[in-house]
Amino acid sequence: AVGITFVAVPVSLVDASAFINTVIGCLIIMV
């Protein structure tokens, strides 16, 4: 469900696509 919210509230960490930012966000959660 958290991943679904990433569609509505995009992850914004680096100057890249929403997909790349989501991958980085998921890696932060993973670590």
PDB file of all heavy atoms in Angstrom:
ATOM      1  N   ALA A   1       0.831  -1.210   0.000  1.00  0.00           N
ATOM      2  CA  ALA A   1       0.000   0.000   0.000  1.00  0.00           C
ATOM      3  C   ALA A   1       0.866   1.261   0.000  1.00  0.00           C
ATOM      4  O   ALA A   1       0.503   2.264  -0.606  1.00  0.00           O
ATOM      5  CB  ALA A   1      -0.934  -0.011   1.204  1.00  0.00           C
ATOM      6  N   VAL A   2       2.012   1.192   0.686  1.00  0.00           N
ATOM      7  CA  VAL A   2       2.931   2.339   0.690  1.00  0.00           C
ATOM      8  C   VAL A   2       3.417   2.618  -0.725  1.00  0.00           C
ATOM      9  O   VAL A   2       3.492   3.772  -1.152  1.00  0.00           O
ATOM     10  CB  VAL A   2       4.118   2.078   1.646  1.00  0.00           C
ATOM     11  CG1 VAL A   2       5.194   3.135   1.469  1.00  0.00           C
ATOM     12  CG2 VAL A   2       3.635   2.029   3.084  1.00  0.00           C
ATOM     13  N   GLY A   3       3.716   1.563  -1.470  1.00  0.00           N
ATOM     14  CA  GLY A   3       4.141   1.730  -2.849  1.00  0.00           C
ATOM     15  C   GLY A   3       3.071   2.381  -3.707  1.00  0.00           C
ATOM     16  O   GLY A   3       3.375   3.182  -4.595  1.00  0.00           O
ATOM     17  N   ILE A   4       1.826   2.059  -3.427  1.00  0.00           N
ATOM     18  CA  ILE A   4       0.726   2.678  -4.158  1.00  0.00           C
ATOM     19  C   ILE A   4       0.679   4.172  -3.861  1.00  0.00           C
ATOM     20  O   ILE A   4       0.422   4.983  -4.752  1.00  0.00           O
ATOM     21  CB  ILE A   4      -0.610   1.983  -3.820  1.00  0.00           C
ATOM     22  CG1 ILE A   4      -0.595   0.558  -4.401  1.00  0.00           C
ATOM     23  CG2 ILE A   4      -1.790   2.762  -4.365  1.00  0.00           C
ATOM     24  CD1 ILE A   4      -1.720  -0.306  -3.931  1.00  0.00           C
ATOM     25  N   THR A   5       0.981   4.552  -2.616  1.00  0.00           N
ATOM     26  CA  THR A   5       0.972   5.983  -2.288  1.00  0.00           C
ATOM     27  C   THR A   5       2.097   6.729  -3.010  1.00  0.00           C
ATOM     28  O   THR A   5       1.991   7.933  -3.219  1.00  0.00           O
ATOM     29  CB  THR A   5       1.109   6.234  -0.769  1.00  0.00           C
ATOM     30  OG1 THR A   5       2.381   5.781  -0.319  1.00  0.00           O
ATOM     31  CG2 THR A   5      -0.003   5.570   0.005  1.00  0.00           C
ATOM     32  N   PHE A   6       3.158   6.016  -3.400  1.00  0.00           N
ATOM     33  CA  PHE A   6       4.233   6.658  -4.151  1.00  0.00           C
ATOM     34  C   PHE A   6       3.741   7.178  -5.505  1.00  0.00           C
ATOM     35  O   PHE A   6       4.351   8.055  -6.093  1.00  0.00           O
ATOM     36  CB  PHE A   6       5.409   5.704  -4.373  1.00  0.00           C
ATOM     37  CG  PHE A   6       6.230   5.428  -3.139  1.00  0.00           C
ATOM     38  CD1 PHE A   6       7.159   4.403  -3.131  1.00  0.00           C
ATOM     39  CD2 PHE A   6       6.088   6.178  -1.979  1.00  0.00           C
ATOM     40  CE1 PHE A   6       7.933   4.134  -2.010  1.00  0.00           C
ATOM     41  CE2 PHE A   6       6.851   5.925  -0.852  1.00  0.00           C
ATOM     42  CZ  PHE A   6       7.772   4.900  -0.867  1.00  0.00           C
ATOM     43  N   VAL A   7       2.646   6.590  -6.009  1.00  0.00           N
ATOM     44  CA  VAL A   7       2.065   7.080  -7.257  1.00  0.00           C
ATOM     45  C   VAL A   7       1.426   8.448  -7.011  1.00  0.00           C
ATOM     46  O   VAL A   7       1.583   9.377  -7.801  1.00  0.00           O
ATOM     47  CB  VAL A   7       1.024   6.076  -7.804  1.00  0.00           C
ATOM     48  CG1 VAL A   7       0.325   6.637  -9.034  1.00  0.00           C
ATOM     49  CG2 VAL A   7       1.686   4.746  -8.127  1.00  0.00           C
ATOM     50  N   ALA A   8       0.705   8.569  -5.882  1.00  0.00           N
ATOM     51  CA  ALA A   8       0.006   9.822  -5.562  1.00  0.00           C
ATOM     52  C   ALA A   8       0.954  10.873  -5.000  1.00  0.00           C
ATOM     53  O   ALA A   8       0.819  12.061  -5.283  1.00  0.00           O
ATOM     54  CB  ALA A   8      -1.113   9.542  -4.567  1.00  0.00           C
ATOM     55  N   VAL A   9       1.910  10.437  -4.158  1.00  0.00           N
ATOM     56  CA  VAL A   9       2.875  11.349  -3.543  1.00  0.00           C
ATOM     57  C   VAL A   9       4.266  10.887  -3.999  1.00  0.00           C
ATOM     58  O   VAL A   9       4.910  10.085  -3.332  1.00  0.00           O
ATOM     59  CB  VAL A   9       2.778  11.320  -1.996  1.00  0.00           C
ATOM     60  CG1 VAL A   9       3.749  12.308  -1.382  1.00  0.00           C
ATOM     61  CG2 VAL A   9       1.363  11.565  -1.532  1.00  0.00           C
ATOM     62  N   PRO A  10       4.730  11.381  -5.130  1.00  0.00           N
ATOM     63  CA  PRO A  10       5.990  10.885  -5.700  1.00  0.00           C
ATOM     64  C   PRO A  10       7.204  11.126  -4.787  1.00  0.00           C
ATOM     65  O   PRO A  10       7.279  12.117  -4.074  1.00  0.00           O
ATOM     66  CB  PRO A  10       6.135  11.692  -6.998  1.00  0.00           C
ATOM     67  CG  PRO A  10       4.805  12.263  -7.277  1.00  0.00           C
ATOM     68  CD  PRO A  10       4.113  12.403  -5.959  1.00  0.00           C
ATOM     69  N   VAL A  11       8.119  10.175  -4.853  1.00  0.00           N
ATOM     70  CA  VAL A  11       9.392  10.305  -4.145  1.00  0.00           C
ATOM     71  C   VAL A  11      10.245  11.299  -4.927  1.00  0.00           C
ATOM     72  O   VAL A  11      10.355  11.215  -6.152  1.00  0.00           O
ATOM     73  CB  VAL A  11      10.107   8.937  -4.052  1.00  0.00           C
ATOM     74  CG1 VAL A  11      11.463   9.090  -3.405  1.00  0.00           C
ATOM     75  CG2 VAL A  11       9.246   7.938  -3.299  1.00  0.00           C
ATOM     76  N   SER A  12      10.843  12.255  -4.202  1.00  0.00           N
ATOM     77  CA  SER A  12      11.663  13.273  -4.857  1.00  0.00           C
ATOM     78  C   SER A  12      12.988  13.408  -4.107  1.00  0.00           C
ATOM     79  O   SER A  12      13.108  14.158  -3.151  1.00  0.00           O
ATOM     80  CB  SER A  12      10.905  14.602  -4.864  1.00  0.00           C
ATOM     81  OG  SER A  12      11.685  15.601  -5.465  1.00  0.00           O
ATOM     82  N   LEU A  13      13.986  12.635  -4.545  1.00  0.00           N
ATOM     83  CA  LEU A  13      15.292  12.634  -3.890  1.00  0.00           C
ATOM     84  C   LEU A  13      16.399  13.190  -4.785  1.00  0.00           C
ATOM     85  O   LEU A  13      17.272  13.901  -4.318  1.00  0.00           O
ATOM     86  CB  LEU A  13      15.663  11.211  -3.453  1.00  0.00           C
ATOM     87  CG  LEU A  13      14.746  10.568  -2.416  1.00  0.00           C
ATOM     88  CD1 LEU A  13      15.084   9.101  -2.243  1.00  0.00           C
ATOM     89  CD2 LEU A  13      14.853  11.297  -1.097  1.00  0.00           C
ATOM     90  N   VAL A  14      16.361  12.801  -6.048  1.00  0.00           N
ATOM     91  CA  VAL A  14      17.375  13.253  -6.998  1.00  0.00           C
ATOM     92  C   VAL A  14      16.685  13.805  -8.238  1.00  0.00           C
ATOM     93  O   VAL A  14      15.496  13.577  -8.456  1.00  0.00           O
ATOM     94  CB  VAL A  14      18.335  12.100  -7.399  1.00  0.00           C
ATOM     95  CG1 VAL A  14      19.136  11.619  -6.201  1.00  0.00           C
ATOM     96  CG2 VAL A  14      17.584  10.948  -8.040  1.00  0.00           C
ATOM     97  N   ASP A  15      17.454  14.507  -9.042  1.00  0.00           N
ATOM     98  CA  ASP A  15      16.913  15.077 -10.271  1.00  0.00           C
ATOM     99  C   ASP A  15      16.876  13.979 -11.338  1.00  0.00           C
ATOM    100  O   ASP A  15      17.775  13.860 -12.173  1.00  0.00           O
ATOM    101  CB  ASP A  15      17.765  16.259 -10.727  1.00  0.00           C
ATOM    102  CG  ASP A  15      17.148  16.988 -11.903  1.00  0.00           C
ATOM    103  OD1 ASP A  15      15.916  16.862 -12.085  1.00  0.00           O
ATOM    104  OD2 ASP A  15      17.892  17.678 -12.620  1.00  0.00           O
ATOM    105  N   ALA A  16      15.825  13.149 -11.251  1.00  0.00           N
ATOM    106  CA  ALA A  16      15.661  12.029 -12.183  1.00  0.00           C
ATOM    107  C   ALA A  16      14.170  11.724 -12.300  1.00  0.00           C
ATOM    108  O   ALA A  16      13.343  12.399 -11.683  1.00  0.00           O
ATOM    109  CB  ALA A  16      16.439  10.814 -11.678  1.00  0.00           C
ATOM    110  N   SER A  17      13.859  10.678 -13.035  1.00  0.00           N
ATOM    111  CA  SER A  17      12.458  10.313 -13.244  1.00  0.00           C
ATOM    112  C   SER A  17      11.823   9.817 -11.947  1.00  0.00           C
ATOM    113  O   SER A  17      12.515   9.457 -10.988  1.00  0.00           O
ATOM    114  CB  SER A  17      12.359   9.219 -14.311  1.00  0.00           C
ATOM    115  OG  SER A  17      12.930   8.021 -13.821  1.00  0.00           O
ATOM    116  N   ALA A  18      10.494   9.780 -11.937  1.00  0.00           N
ATOM    117  CA  ALA A  18       9.758   9.273 -10.773  1.00  0.00           C
ATOM    118  C   ALA A  18      10.123   7.814 -10.503  1.00  0.00           C
ATOM    119  O   ALA A  18      10.220   7.389  -9.349  1.00  0.00           O
ATOM    120  CB  ALA A  18       8.251   9.419 -10.996  1.00  0.00           C
ATOM    121  N   PHE A  19      10.361   7.054 -11.560  1.00  0.00           N
ATOM    122  CA  PHE A  19      10.727   5.647 -11.416  1.00  0.00           C
ATOM    123  C   PHE A  19      12.051   5.505 -10.665  1.00  0.00           C
ATOM    124  O   PHE A  19      12.157   4.725  -9.719  1.00  0.00           O
ATOM    125  CB  PHE A  19      10.813   4.979 -12.795  1.00  0.00           C
ATOM    126  CG  PHE A  19      11.187   3.533 -12.731  1.00  0.00           C
ATOM    127  CD1 PHE A  19      10.229   2.568 -12.437  1.00  0.00           C
ATOM    128  CD2 PHE A  19      12.491   3.125 -12.957  1.00  0.00           C
ATOM    129  CE1 PHE A  19      10.573   1.226 -12.373  1.00  0.00           C
ATOM    130  CE2 PHE A  19      12.851   1.791 -12.896  1.00  0.00           C
ATOM    131  CZ  PHE A  19      11.881   0.829 -12.603  1.00  0.00           C
ATOM    132  N   ILE A  20      13.068   6.254 -11.083  1.00  0.00           N
ATOM    133  CA  ILE A  20      14.394   6.199 -10.439  1.00  0.00           C
ATOM    134  C   ILE A  20      14.285   6.638  -8.979  1.00  0.00           C
ATOM    135  O   ILE A  20      14.864   6.014  -8.085  1.00  0.00           O
ATOM    136  CB  ILE A  20      15.421   7.075 -11.199  1.00  0.00           C
ATOM    137  CG1 ILE A  20      15.632   6.556 -12.614  1.00  0.00           C
ATOM    138  CG2 ILE A  20      16.734   7.174 -10.440  1.00  0.00           C
ATOM    139  CD1 ILE A  20      16.246   5.180 -12.712  1.00  0.00           C
ATOM    140  N   ASN A  21      13.539   7.701  -8.713  1.00  0.00           N
ATOM    141  CA  ASN A  21      13.357   8.172  -7.344  1.00  0.00           C
ATOM    142  C   ASN A  21      12.650   7.121  -6.488  1.00  0.00           C
ATOM    143  O   ASN A  21      13.000   6.927  -5.328  1.00  0.00           O
ATOM    144  CB  ASN A  21      12.572   9.493  -7.330  1.00  0.00           C
ATOM    145  CG  ASN A  21      13.480  10.683  -7.535  1.00  0.00           C
ATOM    146  OD1 ASN A  21      14.233  11.055  -6.664  1.00  0.00           O
ATOM    147  ND2 ASN A  21      13.414  11.268  -8.725  1.00  0.00           N
ATOM    148  N   THR A  22      11.680   6.432  -7.069  1.00  0.00           N
ATOM    149  CA  THR A  22      10.975   5.378  -6.335  1.00  0.00           C
ATOM    150  C   THR A  22      11.918   4.222  -6.012  1.00  0.00           C
ATOM    151  O   THR A  22      11.896   3.682  -4.903  1.00  0.00           O
ATOM    152  CB  THR A  22       9.764   4.884  -7.134  1.00  0.00           C
ATOM    153  OG1 THR A  22       8.882   5.988  -7.359  1.00  0.00           O
ATOM    154  CG2 THR A  22       9.031   3.785  -6.399  1.00  0.00           C
ATOM    155  N   VAL A  23      12.764   3.844  -6.976  1.00  0.00           N
ATOM    156  CA  VAL A  23      13.740   2.768  -6.741  1.00  0.00           C
ATOM    157  C   VAL A  23      14.675   3.159  -5.591  1.00  0.00           C
ATOM    158  O   VAL A  23      14.936   2.349  -4.691  1.00  0.00           O
ATOM    159  CB  VAL A  23      14.538   2.448  -8.025  1.00  0.00           C
ATOM    160  CG1 VAL A  23      15.729   1.547  -7.727  1.00  0.00           C
ATOM    161  CG2 VAL A  23      13.634   1.810  -9.071  1.00  0.00           C
ATOM    162  N   ILE A  24      15.160   4.388  -5.599  1.00  0.00           N
ATOM    163  CA  ILE A  24      16.047   4.856  -4.521  1.00  0.00           C
ATOM    164  C   ILE A  24      15.308   4.847  -3.186  1.00  0.00           C
ATOM    165  O   ILE A  24      15.852   4.423  -2.163  1.00  0.00           O
ATOM    166  CB  ILE A  24      16.611   6.260  -4.838  1.00  0.00           C
ATOM    167  CG1 ILE A  24      17.530   6.196  -6.066  1.00  0.00           C
ATOM    168  CG2 ILE A  24      17.364   6.834  -3.636  1.00  0.00           C
ATOM    169  CD1 ILE A  24      17.937   7.550  -6.616  1.00  0.00           C
ATOM    170  N   GLY A  25      14.047   5.292  -3.192  1.00  0.00           N
ATOM    171  CA  GLY A  25      13.238   5.273  -1.976  1.00  0.00           C
ATOM    172  C   GLY A  25      13.057   3.865  -1.430  1.00  0.00           C
ATOM    173  O   GLY A  25      13.166   3.629  -0.225  1.00  0.00           O
ATOM    174  N   CYS A  26      12.809   2.912  -2.318  1.00  0.00           N
ATOM    175  CA  CYS A  26      12.656   1.512  -1.902  1.00  0.00           C
ATOM    176  C   CYS A  26      13.966   0.954  -1.342  1.00  0.00           C
ATOM    177  O   CYS A  26      13.966   0.176  -0.381  1.00  0.00           O
ATOM    178  CB  CYS A  26      12.163   0.669  -3.070  1.00  0.00           C
ATOM    179  SG  CYS A  26      10.466   1.028  -3.567  1.00  0.00           S
ATOM    180  N   LEU A  27      15.095   1.371  -1.915  1.00  0.00           N
ATOM    181  CA  LEU A  27      16.399   0.942  -1.395  1.00  0.00           C
ATOM    182  C   LEU A  27      16.645   1.501   0.008  1.00  0.00           C
ATOM    183  O   LEU A  27      17.213   0.806   0.862  1.00  0.00           O
ATOM    184  CB  LEU A  27      17.519   1.368  -2.344  1.00  0.00           C
ATOM    185  CG  LEU A  27      17.595   0.603  -3.665  1.00  0.00           C
ATOM    186  CD1 LEU A  27      18.621   1.237  -4.603  1.00  0.00           C
ATOM    187  CD2 LEU A  27      17.924  -0.870  -3.429  1.00  0.00           C
ATOM    188  N   ILE A  28      16.212   2.726   0.252  1.00  0.00           N
ATOM    189  CA  ILE A  28      16.346   3.317   1.598  1.00  0.00           C
ATOM    190  C   ILE A  28      15.516   2.522   2.601  1.00  0.00           C
ATOM    191  O   ILE A  28      15.987   2.198   3.704  1.00  0.00           O
ATOM    192  CB  ILE A  28      15.945   4.808   1.581  1.00  0.00           C
ATOM    193  CG1 ILE A  28      17.003   5.621   0.832  1.00  0.00           C
ATOM    194  CG2 ILE A  28      15.748   5.352   3.001  1.00  0.00           C
ATOM    195  CD1 ILE A  28      16.609   7.055   0.530  1.00  0.00           C
ATOM    196  N   ILE A  29      14.298   2.168   2.227  1.00  0.00           N
ATOM    197  CA  ILE A  29      13.439   1.353   3.095  1.00  0.00           C
ATOM    198  C   ILE A  29      14.083  -0.012   3.326  1.00  0.00           C
ATOM    199  O   ILE A  29      14.088  -0.533   4.446  1.00  0.00           O
ATOM    200  CB  ILE A  29      12.028   1.216   2.479  1.00  0.00           C
ATOM    201  CG1 ILE A  29      11.315   2.576   2.492  1.00  0.00           C
ATOM    202  CG2 ILE A  29      11.207   0.158   3.209  1.00  0.00           C
ATOM    203  CD1 ILE A  29      10.035   2.611   1.682  1.00  0.00           C
ATOM    204  N   MET A  30      14.670  -0.587   2.275  1.00  0.00           N
ATOM    205  CA  MET A  30      15.316  -1.894   2.367  1.00  0.00           C
ATOM    206  C   MET A  30      16.478  -1.876   3.360  1.00  0.00           C
ATOM    207  O   MET A  30      16.573  -2.736   4.240  1.00  0.00           O
ATOM    208  CB  MET A  30      15.813  -2.306   0.977  1.00  0.00           C
ATOM    209  CG  MET A  30      16.467  -3.665   0.905  1.00  0.00           C
ATOM    210  SD  MET A  30      17.143  -4.027  -0.743  1.00  0.00           S
ATOM    211  CE  MET A  30      15.662  -4.050  -1.732  1.00  0.00           C
ATOM    212  N   VAL A  31      17.346  -0.894   3.244  1.00  0.00           N
ATOM    213  CA  VAL A  31      18.522  -0.813   4.120  1.00  0.00           C
ATOM    214  C   VAL A  31      18.102  -0.539   5.567  1.00  0.00           C
ATOM    215  O   VAL A  31      18.645  -1.133   6.504  1.00  0.00           O
ATOM    216  CB  VAL A  31      19.504   0.267   3.607  1.00  0.00           C
ATOM    217  CG1 VAL A  31      20.599   0.548   4.617  1.00  0.00           C
ATOM    218  CG2 VAL A  31      20.104  -0.149   2.278  1.00  0.00           C
TER     219      VAL A  31
END
